[in-house]
């Protein structure tokens, strides 16, 4: 994509500059969220190698990079060398935020602690994403999303009850930590507007997972109840499950009394609504397996489109289990532009998920996908922001500093 073809940046953060350090998922996804909202995110990668996300993915063309590095300007700097550290410190001195997801203590070893950086930039907001947080006995441990999901309690609840804990086919812990980090950064930005003060955002993966664990802790401390794996259903919440049709599966959620009655009407079995086994929420929960089997038997004689149509006709929450092909062809996805074509250097119509959430006045947008060339914006950043000469840049390249 050429510079001239980039859409105007009308995002709500278009006056904010973020220096993104770190790599892989949790930190870069936080950077993606802010770049999607218009922030000038300058991603710093090690020269020669770059972020491992450049080669992660399936097939001959790893595509995750195109998503997680979209809207970012990418430069190289060797943070293990003092000259590289000084370059990045100068950039941070002119930035609003610095984002990192190294193991705690790494920036301090490089002379880039918050105290040192904020001495030159008092309003600086530092966003720190890690496995276990910046303090505590586990803080120095290596922490990936899979481990954070386990320690935070999510993994124990995933999968079938007769098998070992499973996982979603996504890095949920990383995405949760990145989202909370972004939320904290925006709250810190609001605080800075009022006071001029910067601060540190400490977002750990395990606590980000813990935050969405609903009432699992009070359930144990009050009634000694430990939630267990339950597969596709949620214990005592019925009916709410995946049901098998003749040509596919559908999720139906009808656990509220009035909605359950509408489901019974849709099934032409209105008598189920007054059956003592299913007459209220508690009764349906006590007889969950029996009820699920009745609904599954009914669905199994019908096509999934027919079941979905009947559910919509009777105002019962239901939806097919989608994969990418179904999303791309769905009229609702198309109408809301949930998926968009993004011209790239390699593909004329690279499809990816759009910027979210939608905003009525300052909508973010995808201005360009992750750039293929390592250090693609070196000249633009180092000459334009730090006023380095071409000779200086050439010298830095020869020394593998950039």
Protein backbone atom coordinates (compact mmCIF):
# COMPACT_ATOMS: atom_id res chain seq x y z
CA UNK A 1 0.00 0.00 0.00
CA UNK A 2 1.42 3.38 -0.94
CA UNK A 3 1.39 6.35 1.40
CA UNK A 4 -0.99 8.19 -0.86
CA UNK A 5 -3.56 5.41 -0.63
CA UNK A 6 -3.68 5.35 3.17
CA UNK A 7 -7.00 6.64 4.54
CA UNK A 8 -7.00 9.69 6.79
CA UNK A 9 -6.53 8.89 10.46
CA UNK A 10 -9.73 9.92 12.21
CA UNK A 11 -9.35 7.64 15.23
CA UNK A 12 -9.83 9.06 18.74
CA UNK A 13 -6.16 8.47 19.66
CA UNK A 14 -4.67 10.10 16.56
CA UNK A 15 -2.70 12.58 18.69
CA UNK A 16 -1.11 9.88 20.87
CA UNK A 17 2.28 8.27 20.21
CA UNK A 18 3.10 4.82 21.59
CA UNK A 19 6.51 3.15 21.48
CA UNK A 20 5.90 -0.60 21.37
CA UNK A 21 8.67 -2.84 22.70
CA UNK A 22 8.43 -6.58 23.26
CA UNK A 23 7.12 -9.23 20.92
CA UNK A 24 4.73 -12.11 20.30
CA UNK A 25 1.12 -11.57 21.37
CA UNK A 26 0.17 -9.85 24.64
CA UNK A 27 2.10 -6.60 24.18
CA UNK A 28 1.61 -6.33 20.41
CA UNK A 29 -2.15 -6.98 20.66
CA UNK A 30 -2.41 -4.09 23.12
CA UNK A 31 -0.49 -2.01 20.57
CA UNK A 32 -2.84 -3.18 17.83
CA UNK A 33 -5.88 -2.05 19.81
CA UNK A 34 -4.41 1.43 20.26
CA UNK A 35 -3.20 1.64 16.66
CA UNK A 36 -6.69 0.66 15.51
CA UNK A 37 -7.99 3.65 17.49
CA UNK A 38 -5.58 5.93 15.64
CA UNK A 39 -2.53 6.04 17.89
CA UNK A 40 0.85 6.41 16.20
CA UNK A 41 2.31 3.10 17.34
CA UNK A 42 6.01 2.76 16.59
CA UNK A 43 6.97 -0.88 16.91
CA UNK A 44 10.60 -1.60 17.79
CA UNK A 45 12.01 -4.93 16.60
CA UNK A 46 15.47 -6.48 16.93
CA UNK A 47 17.50 -6.04 13.72
CA UNK A 48 18.04 -9.15 11.65
CA UNK A 49 15.25 -11.19 13.21
CA UNK A 50 12.23 -9.08 14.01
CA UNK A 51 9.21 -10.14 16.01
CA UNK A 52 8.66 -13.94 15.86
CA UNK A 53 5.07 -13.15 14.88
CA UNK A 54 6.41 -12.45 11.39
CA UNK A 55 6.77 -16.20 10.85
CA UNK A 56 3.99 -17.57 13.05
CA UNK A 57 1.03 -19.16 11.34
CA UNK A 58 0.02 -21.89 8.95
CA UNK A 59 1.16 -22.56 5.41
CA UNK A 60 3.68 -20.75 3.28
CA UNK A 61 2.40 -17.30 4.18
CA UNK A 62 2.10 -16.55 7.91
CA UNK A 63 -0.75 -14.05 8.15
CA UNK A 64 -1.09 -13.25 11.84
CA UNK A 65 1.57 -10.56 11.47
CA UNK A 66 -0.64 -8.76 8.95
CA UNK A 67 -3.27 -8.38 11.67
CA UNK A 68 -1.26 -7.79 14.86
CA UNK A 69 1.12 -5.27 13.23
CA UNK A 70 -1.53 -3.37 11.28
CA UNK A 71 -1.48 0.43 11.50
CA UNK A 72 1.99 0.34 13.11
CA UNK A 73 5.20 1.96 11.92
CA UNK A 74 7.99 -0.58 12.27
CA UNK A 75 11.61 0.19 13.08
CA UNK A 76 14.61 -1.80 14.24
CA UNK A 77 16.83 -1.14 17.27
CA UNK A 78 19.13 -3.45 19.20
CA UNK A 79 18.00 -2.97 22.80
CA UNK A 80 20.83 -5.15 24.08
CA UNK A 81 23.36 -2.50 23.04
CA UNK A 82 23.72 0.90 24.68
CA UNK A 83 23.45 2.76 21.37
CA UNK A 84 20.17 1.03 20.60
CA UNK A 85 18.88 1.80 24.08
CA UNK A 86 19.76 5.48 23.69
CA UNK A 87 17.92 5.69 20.36
CA UNK A 88 14.77 4.25 21.87
CA UNK A 89 15.05 6.41 24.99
CA UNK A 90 15.05 9.48 22.75
CA UNK A 91 11.91 8.25 21.01
CA UNK A 92 10.24 7.55 24.36
CA UNK A 93 11.08 11.06 25.53
CA UNK A 94 8.81 12.33 22.75
CA UNK A 95 6.05 9.74 23.25
CA UNK A 96 2.92 9.51 25.35
CA UNK A 97 3.23 5.83 26.16
CA UNK A 98 5.75 3.02 26.11
CA UNK A 99 4.47 -0.55 25.90
CA UNK A 100 6.51 -3.63 26.82
CA UNK A 101 5.99 -7.29 27.60
CA UNK A 102 9.45 -8.46 28.59
CA UNK A 103 10.08 -10.47 31.73
CA UNK A 104 10.03 -8.06 34.72
CA UNK A 105 13.45 -6.54 35.35
CA UNK A 106 14.57 -6.58 31.71
CA UNK A 107 14.01 -2.87 31.06
CA UNK A 108 15.68 -2.02 34.36
CA UNK A 109 18.80 -3.94 33.29
CA UNK A 110 18.83 -1.87 30.12
CA UNK A 111 18.67 1.41 32.02
CA UNK A 112 15.07 1.96 30.93
CA UNK A 113 13.15 1.80 34.21
CA UNK A 114 10.09 3.97 34.60
CA UNK A 115 11.93 6.29 36.96
CA UNK A 116 14.70 6.82 34.41
CA UNK A 117 12.34 7.29 31.48
CA UNK A 118 9.85 9.51 33.30
CA UNK A 119 12.66 11.78 34.52
CA UNK A 120 12.87 12.93 30.89
CA UNK A 121 9.14 12.65 30.25
CA UNK A 122 7.05 13.18 33.43
CA UNK A 123 3.74 12.53 31.68
CA UNK A 124 4.88 9.15 30.32
CA UNK A 125 2.49 6.22 30.69
CA UNK A 126 4.31 2.87 30.83
CA UNK A 127 2.25 -0.22 29.96
CA UNK A 128 3.79 -3.42 31.28
CA UNK A 129 2.33 -6.81 30.33
CA UNK A 130 3.79 -9.97 31.88
CA UNK A 131 2.87 -13.44 33.04
CA UNK A 132 2.65 -12.74 36.76
CA UNK A 133 2.99 -8.98 37.18
CA UNK A 134 5.85 -6.72 38.21
CA UNK A 135 5.87 -7.75 41.88
CA UNK A 136 5.43 -10.87 43.97
CA UNK A 137 7.38 -14.13 44.30
CA UNK A 138 6.43 -15.32 40.77
CA UNK A 139 7.16 -12.05 38.98
CA UNK A 140 10.49 -13.17 37.52
CA UNK A 141 9.06 -16.40 36.11
CA UNK A 142 8.59 -16.82 32.37
CA UNK A 143 4.88 -16.63 31.63
CA UNK A 144 3.03 -17.55 28.46
CA UNK A 145 -0.72 -17.35 27.94
CA UNK A 146 -1.15 -21.11 28.37
CA UNK A 147 0.40 -20.96 31.84
CA UNK A 148 -1.52 -17.82 32.81
CA UNK A 149 -4.77 -19.49 31.77
CA UNK A 150 -3.90 -22.46 33.98
CA UNK A 151 -2.87 -20.45 37.04
CA UNK A 152 -5.77 -18.04 36.61
CA UNK A 153 -8.24 -20.94 36.72
CA UNK A 154 -9.57 -20.96 33.16
CA UNK A 155 -7.86 -24.11 31.90
CA UNK A 156 -9.31 -26.27 34.68
CA UNK A 157 -12.81 -25.50 33.45
CA UNK A 158 -12.17 -26.08 29.72
CA UNK A 159 -13.01 -29.38 28.06
CA UNK A 160 -14.95 -32.54 28.79
CA UNK A 161 -15.27 -33.73 32.40
CA UNK A 162 -13.75 -37.17 31.69
CA UNK A 163 -10.58 -35.80 30.08
CA UNK A 164 -7.67 -33.57 31.01
CA UNK A 165 -8.23 -29.80 30.78
CA UNK A 166 -8.37 -28.49 27.24
CA UNK A 167 -7.87 -25.07 25.67
CA UNK A 168 -9.49 -22.81 23.15
CA UNK A 169 -7.66 -22.72 19.83
CA UNK A 170 -6.66 -19.12 20.61
CA UNK A 171 -4.30 -17.34 22.99
CA UNK A 172 -7.05 -16.03 25.25
CA UNK A 173 -4.76 -15.16 28.17
CA UNK A 174 -2.62 -12.92 25.97
CA UNK A 175 -5.66 -11.22 24.44
CA UNK A 176 -7.28 -10.63 27.84
CA UNK A 177 -4.07 -9.19 29.31
CA UNK A 178 -3.64 -6.93 26.27
CA UNK A 179 -7.23 -5.71 26.52
CA UNK A 180 -6.96 -4.91 30.22
CA UNK A 181 -3.60 -3.24 29.59
CA UNK A 182 -5.22 -1.06 26.94
CA UNK A 183 -8.10 -0.21 29.25
CA UNK A 184 -5.65 0.76 32.00
CA UNK A 185 -3.65 2.91 29.58
CA UNK A 186 -6.76 4.82 28.50
CA UNK A 187 -7.74 5.37 32.14
CA UNK A 188 -4.20 6.62 32.82
CA UNK A 189 -4.48 8.94 29.84
CA UNK A 190 -7.63 10.44 31.35
CA UNK A 191 -5.82 10.89 34.68
CA UNK A 192 -2.93 12.60 32.90
CA UNK A 193 -5.34 15.03 31.22
CA UNK A 194 -6.49 16.13 34.67
CA UNK A 195 -3.15 16.14 36.50
CA UNK A 196 -0.29 15.98 33.99
CA UNK A 197 0.99 12.86 35.76
CA UNK A 198 2.04 9.67 34.02
CA UNK A 199 1.99 6.27 35.69
CA UNK A 200 2.69 2.56 35.27
CA UNK A 201 0.09 0.02 34.14
CA UNK A 202 0.89 -3.46 35.50
CA UNK A 203 -1.19 -6.05 33.60
CA UNK A 204 -0.48 -9.72 34.27
CA UNK A 205 -1.84 -12.59 32.23
CA UNK A 206 -2.92 -14.70 35.20
CA UNK A 207 -4.85 -11.82 36.83
CA UNK A 208 -6.48 -10.89 33.54
CA UNK A 209 -7.79 -14.46 33.38
CA UNK A 210 -8.73 -14.38 37.07
CA UNK A 211 -10.80 -11.25 36.49
CA UNK A 212 -13.21 -13.10 34.17
CA UNK A 213 -13.59 -16.14 36.45
CA UNK A 214 -17.07 -15.02 37.55
CA UNK A 215 -18.06 -16.30 41.03
CA UNK A 216 -15.66 -19.25 41.21
CA UNK A 217 -13.79 -17.85 44.24
CA UNK A 218 -16.79 -16.86 46.41
CA UNK A 219 -18.54 -20.12 45.45
CA UNK A 220 -15.65 -21.98 47.06
CA UNK A 221 -15.11 -19.74 50.07
CA UNK A 222 -18.82 -19.58 50.97
CA UNK A 223 -20.10 -23.03 50.04
CA UNK A 224 -16.96 -25.11 49.37
CA UNK A 225 -18.07 -25.60 45.76
CA UNK A 226 -15.43 -26.09 43.06
CA UNK A 227 -16.63 -25.74 39.49
CA UNK A 228 -15.70 -28.64 37.24
CA UNK A 229 -15.37 -29.14 33.50
CA UNK A 230 -18.76 -29.52 31.86
CA UNK A 231 -18.06 -29.70 28.13
CA UNK A 232 -20.50 -27.80 25.95
CA UNK A 233 -23.00 -27.04 28.71
CA UNK A 234 -22.97 -24.86 31.79
CA UNK A 235 -24.14 -26.88 34.79
CA UNK A 236 -27.67 -26.06 36.00
CA UNK A 237 -28.21 -23.49 33.23
CA UNK A 238 -30.71 -25.14 30.92
CA UNK A 239 -31.38 -25.32 28.13
CA UNK A 240 -28.16 -23.77 26.87
CA UNK A 241 -26.08 -26.09 24.75
CA UNK A 242 -24.97 -27.11 21.28
CA UNK A 243 -27.51 -29.33 19.56
CA UNK A 244 -27.00 -31.60 16.54
CA UNK A 245 -29.09 -31.07 13.44
CA UNK A 246 -29.06 -33.26 10.32
CA UNK A 247 -26.41 -31.14 8.61
CA UNK A 248 -24.70 -29.13 11.33
CA UNK A 249 -24.83 -27.84 14.88
CA UNK A 250 -26.62 -24.94 16.51
CA UNK A 251 -26.37 -23.19 19.86
CA UNK A 252 -29.69 -22.56 21.60
CA UNK A 253 -29.96 -20.55 24.80
CA UNK A 254 -33.41 -20.67 26.36
CA UNK A 255 -32.78 -20.92 30.09
CA UNK A 256 -35.09 -18.05 31.06
CA UNK A 257 -38.68 -19.12 31.82
CA UNK A 258 -40.39 -16.99 29.17
CA UNK A 259 -37.85 -17.92 26.50
CA UNK A 260 -38.12 -21.60 27.37
CA UNK A 261 -41.87 -21.42 26.82
CA UNK A 262 -41.23 -19.93 23.36
CA UNK A 263 -38.78 -22.74 22.61
CA UNK A 264 -41.43 -25.31 23.55
CA UNK A 265 -43.87 -23.59 21.20
CA UNK A 266 -41.28 -23.62 18.41
CA UNK A 267 -40.83 -27.36 18.96
CA UNK A 268 -44.63 -27.81 18.96
CA UNK A 269 -44.31 -29.34 22.42
CA UNK A 270 -45.93 -26.64 24.61
CA UNK A 271 -46.63 -29.18 27.34
CA UNK A 272 -42.90 -29.22 28.22
CA UNK A 273 -43.20 -25.70 29.65
CA UNK A 274 -45.60 -26.92 32.35
CA UNK A 275 -43.84 -30.25 32.96
CA UNK A 276 -42.73 -30.36 36.60
CA UNK A 277 -39.24 -31.38 35.49
CA UNK A 278 -38.83 -28.17 33.48
CA UNK A 279 -41.28 -25.70 34.99
CA UNK A 280 -38.68 -23.28 36.36
CA UNK A 281 -34.97 -22.52 36.30
CA UNK A 282 -34.08 -24.80 39.21
CA UNK A 283 -36.11 -27.71 37.87
CA UNK A 284 -34.58 -27.42 34.42
CA UNK A 285 -31.13 -27.36 35.99
CA UNK A 286 -31.88 -30.49 38.00
CA UNK A 287 -33.05 -32.29 34.85
CA UNK A 288 -30.57 -30.74 32.43
CA UNK A 289 -29.40 -33.91 30.71
CA UNK A 290 -32.95 -35.12 30.08
CA UNK A 291 -33.98 -31.76 28.66
CA UNK A 292 -30.90 -31.50 26.46
CA UNK A 293 -31.61 -34.94 25.04
CA UNK A 294 -35.22 -33.99 24.22
CA UNK A 295 -34.07 -30.87 22.37
CA UNK A 296 -31.27 -32.72 20.59
CA UNK A 297 -33.72 -35.41 19.43
CA UNK A 298 -35.97 -32.72 18.00
CA UNK A 299 -33.08 -30.92 16.25
CA UNK A 300 -31.66 -34.14 14.82
CA UNK A 301 -34.64 -34.58 12.50
CA UNK A 302 -34.26 -31.11 10.96
CA UNK A 303 -31.75 -29.12 8.93
CA UNK A 304 -29.85 -26.46 10.81
CA UNK A 305 -31.35 -23.67 8.67
CA UNK A 306 -34.85 -24.84 9.56
CA UNK A 307 -34.07 -24.87 13.28
CA UNK A 308 -32.47 -21.44 13.13
CA UNK A 309 -35.47 -20.03 11.26
CA UNK A 310 -37.89 -21.46 13.82
CA UNK A 311 -35.82 -20.03 16.67
CA UNK A 312 -35.86 -16.56 15.11
CA UNK A 313 -39.59 -16.82 14.42
CA UNK A 314 -40.22 -17.56 18.11
CA UNK A 315 -37.59 -15.09 19.40
CA UNK A 316 -35.34 -17.72 20.93
CA UNK A 317 -31.59 -16.90 21.03
CA UNK A 318 -29.84 -19.30 18.67
CA UNK A 319 -26.97 -19.36 16.22
CA UNK A 320 -25.03 -21.71 14.00
CA UNK A 321 -21.49 -22.68 14.95
CA UNK A 322 -19.45 -20.61 12.51
CA UNK A 323 -16.03 -21.02 10.95
CA UNK A 324 -14.31 -18.53 8.65
CA UNK A 325 -16.27 -19.57 5.50
CA UNK A 326 -19.62 -19.01 7.22
CA UNK A 327 -18.52 -15.63 8.55
CA UNK A 328 -17.42 -14.42 5.14
CA UNK A 329 -20.79 -15.25 3.59
CA UNK A 330 -23.05 -14.08 6.40
CA UNK A 331 -25.20 -11.04 5.50
CA UNK A 332 -24.96 -9.58 9.00
CA UNK A 333 -21.15 -9.70 8.96
CA UNK A 334 -21.26 -8.07 5.52
CA UNK A 335 -23.74 -5.35 6.49
CA UNK A 336 -21.77 -4.34 9.60
CA UNK A 337 -18.41 -4.64 7.80
CA UNK A 338 -17.16 -6.93 10.56
CA UNK A 339 -14.68 -8.32 8.01
CA UNK A 340 -12.93 -6.05 5.51
CA UNK A 341 -10.56 -6.20 2.57
CA UNK A 342 -7.19 -4.62 3.31
CA UNK A 343 -4.85 -4.09 0.35
CA UNK A 344 -1.34 -5.25 1.18
CA UNK A 345 2.03 -5.51 -0.50
CA UNK A 346 1.40 -9.17 -1.28
CA UNK A 347 -2.38 -9.56 -1.61
CA UNK A 348 -4.83 -7.11 -3.22
CA UNK A 349 -7.70 -8.07 -0.93
CA UNK A 350 -6.38 -9.51 2.33
CA UNK A 351 -9.43 -10.14 4.50
CA UNK A 352 -9.32 -9.62 8.25
CA UNK A 353 -11.53 -8.61 11.17
CA UNK A 354 -12.35 -4.90 11.28
CA UNK A 355 -11.58 -2.39 14.02
CA UNK A 356 -13.84 -2.79 17.05
CA UNK A 357 -15.74 -1.35 18.89
CA UNK A 358 -17.73 0.84 16.54
CA UNK A 359 -17.84 4.54 17.42
CA UNK A 360 -20.35 7.01 16.05
CA UNK A 361 -17.98 9.99 15.69
CA UNK A 362 -14.33 8.86 15.85
CA UNK A 363 -14.25 5.40 14.28
CA UNK A 364 -10.85 3.78 14.04
CA UNK A 365 -9.86 2.02 10.85
CA UNK A 366 -7.26 -0.21 9.26
CA UNK A 367 -4.95 2.16 7.43
CA UNK A 368 -2.44 -0.53 6.40
CA UNK A 369 -1.61 -4.15 7.36
CA UNK A 370 1.60 -5.25 9.05
CA UNK A 371 4.47 -4.28 6.75
CA UNK A 372 6.64 -7.05 5.30
CA UNK A 373 9.99 -5.26 5.33
CA UNK A 374 11.90 -5.36 8.61
CA UNK A 375 12.72 -1.79 9.61
CA UNK A 376 10.44 -0.40 6.90
CA UNK A 377 10.04 2.92 8.70
CA UNK A 378 13.59 3.37 9.98
CA UNK A 379 14.35 6.38 7.81
CA UNK A 380 10.93 7.93 8.36
CA UNK A 381 11.22 7.69 12.16
CA UNK A 382 14.90 8.25 12.80
CA UNK A 383 15.22 11.12 10.33
CA UNK A 384 11.79 12.62 10.93
CA UNK A 385 11.61 12.40 14.73
CA UNK A 386 15.23 12.17 15.92
CA UNK A 387 16.73 14.23 13.07
CA UNK A 388 19.48 11.69 12.37
CA UNK A 389 21.38 12.10 9.12
CA UNK A 390 21.68 9.46 6.42
CA UNK A 391 25.34 9.02 7.34
CA UNK A 392 24.41 8.39 10.97
CA UNK A 393 21.80 5.85 9.92
CA UNK A 394 24.30 4.12 7.66
CA UNK A 395 26.78 3.89 10.54
CA UNK A 396 24.12 2.45 12.86
CA UNK A 397 23.22 -0.19 10.28
CA UNK A 398 26.86 -1.20 9.84
CA UNK A 399 27.15 -1.72 13.60
CA UNK A 400 23.85 -3.71 13.65
CA UNK A 401 22.30 -1.20 16.04
CA UNK A 402 19.37 -0.82 13.65
